[in-house]
Amino acid sequence: MIDLDKIPKDDYLQLVELMGKEDAEAFIEKKQYNYYDISLKILFLRLKKNIKKKPRLFLLIFLIILALVILYYLDLFLII
């Protein structure tokens, strides 16, 4: 049984929604109620779910960020 005093109930419910009850409880016990690891897992699972839902949008965002990084580094080395 999960001790809900150690992690917020809302985060527990989100994790159960994303992973399933058994997997969520096993993950929480494996991480020994480490809230940082649990919250990161929720963020990554939500991101993965959204990427599967709208892959073109995330590909476009990734390409824009990549272009900005490349332009930034080119600008650093090409300034005379």
N, C-alpha and C. Protein backbone atom coordinates (compact mmCIF):
# COMPACT_ATOMS: atom_id res chain seq x y z
N MET A 1 0.84 -1.18 0.00
CA MET A 1 0.00 0.00 0.00
C MET A 1 0.89 1.24 0.00
N ILE A 2 0.44 2.25 -0.71
CA ILE A 2 1.20 3.49 -0.85
C ILE A 2 0.82 4.45 0.26
N ASP A 3 1.84 5.06 0.86
CA ASP A 3 1.64 6.07 1.90
C ASP A 3 1.47 7.43 1.22
N LEU A 4 0.25 7.93 1.17
CA LEU A 4 -0.04 9.18 0.48
C LEU A 4 0.39 10.41 1.27
N ASP A 5 0.91 10.23 2.48
CA ASP A 5 1.44 11.36 3.23
C ASP A 5 2.82 11.77 2.70
N LYS A 6 3.49 10.85 2.01
CA LYS A 6 4.85 11.13 1.54
C LYS A 6 4.87 11.78 0.16
N ILE A 7 3.84 11.57 -0.64
CA ILE A 7 3.74 12.22 -1.95
C ILE A 7 2.34 12.80 -2.10
N PRO A 8 2.17 13.87 -2.88
CA PRO A 8 0.84 14.45 -3.06
C PRO A 8 -0.10 13.48 -3.79
N LYS A 9 -1.35 13.51 -3.38
CA LYS A 9 -2.33 12.59 -3.95
C LYS A 9 -2.54 12.87 -5.44
N ASP A 10 -2.52 14.14 -5.84
CA ASP A 10 -2.72 14.48 -7.25
C ASP A 10 -1.63 13.87 -8.13
N ASP A 11 -0.40 13.93 -7.66
CA ASP A 11 0.71 13.35 -8.43
C ASP A 11 0.60 11.83 -8.48
N TYR A 12 0.17 11.25 -7.39
CA TYR A 12 -0.04 9.80 -7.39
C TYR A 12 -1.10 9.41 -8.41
N LEU A 13 -2.19 10.16 -8.45
CA LEU A 13 -3.27 9.86 -9.39
C LEU A 13 -2.83 10.05 -10.83
N GLN A 14 -2.02 11.07 -11.09
CA GLN A 14 -1.49 11.27 -12.44
C GLN A 14 -0.60 10.12 -12.85
N LEU A 15 0.24 9.67 -11.94
CA LEU A 15 1.13 8.56 -12.23
C LEU A 15 0.34 7.28 -12.49
N VAL A 16 -0.71 7.07 -11.72
CA VAL A 16 -1.56 5.90 -11.93
C VAL A 16 -2.24 5.98 -13.29
N GLU A 17 -2.68 7.17 -13.67
CA GLU A 17 -3.33 7.36 -14.97
C GLU A 17 -2.36 7.08 -16.12
N LEU A 18 -1.12 7.47 -15.96
CA LEU A 18 -0.14 7.31 -17.03
C LEU A 18 0.48 5.92 -17.09
N MET A 19 0.65 5.27 -15.93
CA MET A 19 1.36 3.99 -15.89
C MET A 19 0.48 2.80 -15.55
N GLY A 20 -0.60 3.03 -14.89
CA GLY A 20 -1.37 1.93 -14.33
C GLY A 20 -1.05 1.80 -12.86
N LYS A 21 -1.99 1.27 -12.09
CA LYS A 21 -1.83 1.25 -10.64
C LYS A 21 -0.65 0.40 -10.17
N GLU A 22 -0.53 -0.80 -10.69
CA GLU A 22 0.53 -1.70 -10.23
C GLU A 22 1.92 -1.16 -10.58
N ASP A 23 2.07 -0.68 -11.81
CA ASP A 23 3.37 -0.15 -12.23
C ASP A 23 3.72 1.13 -11.46
N ALA A 24 2.71 1.97 -11.22
CA ALA A 24 2.95 3.21 -10.49
C ALA A 24 3.39 2.92 -9.06
N GLU A 25 2.72 1.99 -8.40
CA GLU A 25 3.08 1.65 -7.03
C GLU A 25 4.47 1.01 -6.97
N ALA A 26 4.78 0.16 -7.95
CA ALA A 26 6.10 -0.46 -7.98
C ALA A 26 7.18 0.60 -8.20
N PHE A 27 6.90 1.57 -9.07
CA PHE A 27 7.87 2.64 -9.33
C PHE A 27 8.09 3.49 -8.09
N ILE A 28 7.01 3.83 -7.40
CA ILE A 28 7.11 4.66 -6.19
C ILE A 28 7.92 3.94 -5.11
N GLU A 29 7.65 2.66 -4.92
CA GLU A 29 8.39 1.90 -3.92
C GLU A 29 9.86 1.73 -4.32
N LYS A 30 10.10 1.55 -5.63
CA LYS A 30 11.48 1.41 -6.11
C LYS A 30 12.28 2.68 -5.86
N LYS A 31 11.65 3.83 -6.05
CA LYS A 31 12.33 5.11 -5.83
C LYS A 31 12.24 5.58 -4.39
N GLN A 32 11.63 4.81 -3.53
CA GLN A 32 11.51 5.09 -2.10
C GLN A 32 10.89 6.46 -1.83
N TYR A 33 9.80 6.74 -2.54
CA TYR A 33 9.01 7.97 -2.36
C TYR A 33 9.80 9.24 -2.67
N ASN A 34 10.83 9.13 -3.49
CA ASN A 34 11.61 10.31 -3.88
C ASN A 34 10.75 11.17 -4.81
N TYR A 35 10.33 12.31 -4.30
CA TYR A 35 9.38 13.14 -5.04
C TYR A 35 9.98 13.69 -6.33
N TYR A 36 11.25 13.99 -6.32
CA TYR A 36 11.92 14.50 -7.52
C TYR A 36 11.84 13.48 -8.66
N ASP A 37 12.17 12.23 -8.38
CA ASP A 37 12.12 11.19 -9.41
C ASP A 37 10.69 10.94 -9.89
N ILE A 38 9.76 10.97 -8.96
CA ILE A 38 8.36 10.74 -9.32
C ILE A 38 7.85 11.87 -10.22
N SER A 39 8.17 13.10 -9.88
CA SER A 39 7.69 14.22 -10.69
C SER A 39 8.35 14.22 -12.07
N LEU A 40 9.63 13.85 -12.15
CA LEU A 40 10.28 13.75 -13.46
C LEU A 40 9.64 12.66 -14.32
N LYS A 41 9.31 11.55 -13.70
CA LYS A 41 8.66 10.46 -14.44
C LYS A 41 7.32 10.93 -14.99
N ILE A 42 6.56 11.67 -14.19
CA ILE A 42 5.27 12.20 -14.65
C ILE A 42 5.48 13.14 -15.83
N LEU A 43 6.47 14.03 -15.72
CA LEU A 43 6.74 14.97 -16.81
C LEU A 43 7.13 14.25 -18.09
N PHE A 44 8.03 13.27 -18.00
CA PHE A 44 8.46 12.55 -19.18
C PHE A 44 7.34 11.73 -19.80
N LEU A 45 6.50 11.11 -18.98
CA LEU A 45 5.39 10.34 -19.51
C LEU A 45 4.36 11.23 -20.19
N ARG A 46 4.10 12.40 -19.60
CA ARG A 46 3.17 13.34 -20.23
C ARG A 46 3.73 13.87 -21.54
N LEU A 47 5.03 14.17 -21.57
CA LEU A 47 5.66 14.63 -22.80
C LEU A 47 5.60 13.55 -23.88
N LYS A 48 5.89 12.32 -23.50
CA LYS A 48 5.84 11.20 -24.45
C LYS A 48 4.42 11.03 -25.00
N LYS A 49 3.43 11.16 -24.14
CA LYS A 49 2.04 11.03 -24.57
C LYS A 49 1.67 12.15 -25.55
N ASN A 50 2.11 13.37 -25.27
CA ASN A 50 1.80 14.49 -26.15
C ASN A 50 2.56 14.41 -27.47
N ILE A 51 3.78 13.90 -27.45
CA ILE A 51 4.54 13.73 -28.69
C ILE A 51 3.85 12.71 -29.59
N LYS A 52 3.34 11.65 -29.01
CA LYS A 52 2.62 10.65 -29.80
C LYS A 52 1.32 11.22 -30.37
N LYS A 53 0.73 12.15 -29.64
CA LYS A 53 -0.54 12.74 -30.08
C LYS A 53 -0.34 13.70 -31.24
N LYS A 54 0.72 14.54 -31.19
CA LYS A 54 0.98 15.55 -32.22
C LYS A 54 2.46 15.55 -32.61
N PRO A 55 2.90 14.55 -33.37
CA PRO A 55 4.34 14.45 -33.67
C PRO A 55 4.85 15.57 -34.57
N ARG A 56 4.04 16.05 -35.49
CA ARG A 56 4.51 17.11 -36.40
C ARG A 56 4.81 18.40 -35.65
N LEU A 57 3.98 18.74 -34.70
CA LEU A 57 4.19 19.96 -33.93
C LEU A 57 5.50 19.89 -33.15
N PHE A 58 5.76 18.76 -32.50
CA PHE A 58 6.99 18.62 -31.72
C PHE A 58 8.22 18.54 -32.62
N LEU A 59 8.07 17.97 -33.81
CA LEU A 59 9.18 17.96 -34.76
C LEU A 59 9.50 19.39 -35.21
N LEU A 60 8.47 20.18 -35.47
CA LEU A 60 8.67 21.57 -35.86
C LEU A 60 9.35 22.36 -34.74
N ILE A 61 8.90 22.19 -33.52
CA ILE A 61 9.51 22.88 -32.37
C ILE A 61 10.97 22.46 -32.22
N PHE A 62 11.25 21.18 -32.35
CA PHE A 62 12.62 20.68 -32.24
C PHE A 62 13.51 21.29 -33.32
N LEU A 63 13.02 21.35 -34.55
CA LEU A 63 13.81 21.90 -35.65
C LEU A 63 14.08 23.39 -35.46
N ILE A 64 13.10 24.13 -34.95
CA ILE A 64 13.29 25.55 -34.69
C ILE A 64 14.34 25.76 -33.60
N ILE A 65 14.26 25.00 -32.53
CA ILE A 65 15.25 25.11 -31.45
C ILE A 65 16.64 24.74 -31.96
N LEU A 66 16.72 23.68 -32.75
CA LEU A 66 18.00 23.27 -33.32
C LEU A 66 18.57 24.36 -34.22
N ALA A 67 17.74 24.98 -35.04
CA ALA A 67 18.20 26.06 -35.92
C ALA A 67 18.70 27.25 -35.10
N LEU A 68 18.00 27.58 -34.03
CA LEU A 68 18.44 28.70 -33.18
C LEU A 68 19.77 28.41 -32.51
N VAL A 69 19.97 27.20 -32.06
CA VAL A 69 21.25 26.82 -31.44
C VAL A 69 22.37 26.88 -32.46
N ILE A 70 22.12 26.37 -33.66
CA ILE A 70 23.15 26.41 -34.71
C ILE A 70 23.48 27.85 -35.08
N LEU A 71 22.47 28.68 -35.24
CA LEU A 71 22.72 30.09 -35.56
C LEU A 71 23.49 30.79 -34.45
N TYR A 72 23.18 30.47 -33.21
CA TYR A 72 23.90 31.07 -32.08
C TYR A 72 25.38 30.71 -32.13
N TYR A 73 25.69 29.44 -32.34
CA TYR A 73 27.09 29.03 -32.37
C TYR A 73 27.81 29.53 -33.61
N LEU A 74 27.12 29.60 -34.74
CA LEU A 74 27.74 30.18 -35.93
C LEU A 74 28.04 31.66 -35.71
N ASP A 75 27.15 32.35 -35.05
CA ASP A 75 27.35 33.77 -34.76
C ASP A 75 28.53 33.97 -33.82
N LEU A 76 28.73 33.08 -32.89
CA LEU A 76 29.87 33.19 -31.97
C LEU A 76 31.20 33.08 -32.69
N PHE A 77 31.28 32.17 -33.64
CA PHE A 77 32.56 31.90 -34.30
C PHE A 77 32.81 32.76 -35.53
N LEU A 78 31.78 33.40 -36.08
CA LEU A 78 31.96 34.17 -37.30
C LEU A 78 32.09 35.67 -37.06
N ILE A 79 32.00 36.10 -35.81
CA ILE A 79 32.16 37.53 -35.52
C ILE A 79 33.63 37.90 -35.62
N ILE A 80 33.91 38.95 -36.37
CA ILE A 80 35.30 39.38 -36.56
C ILE A 80 35.58 40.63 -35.76
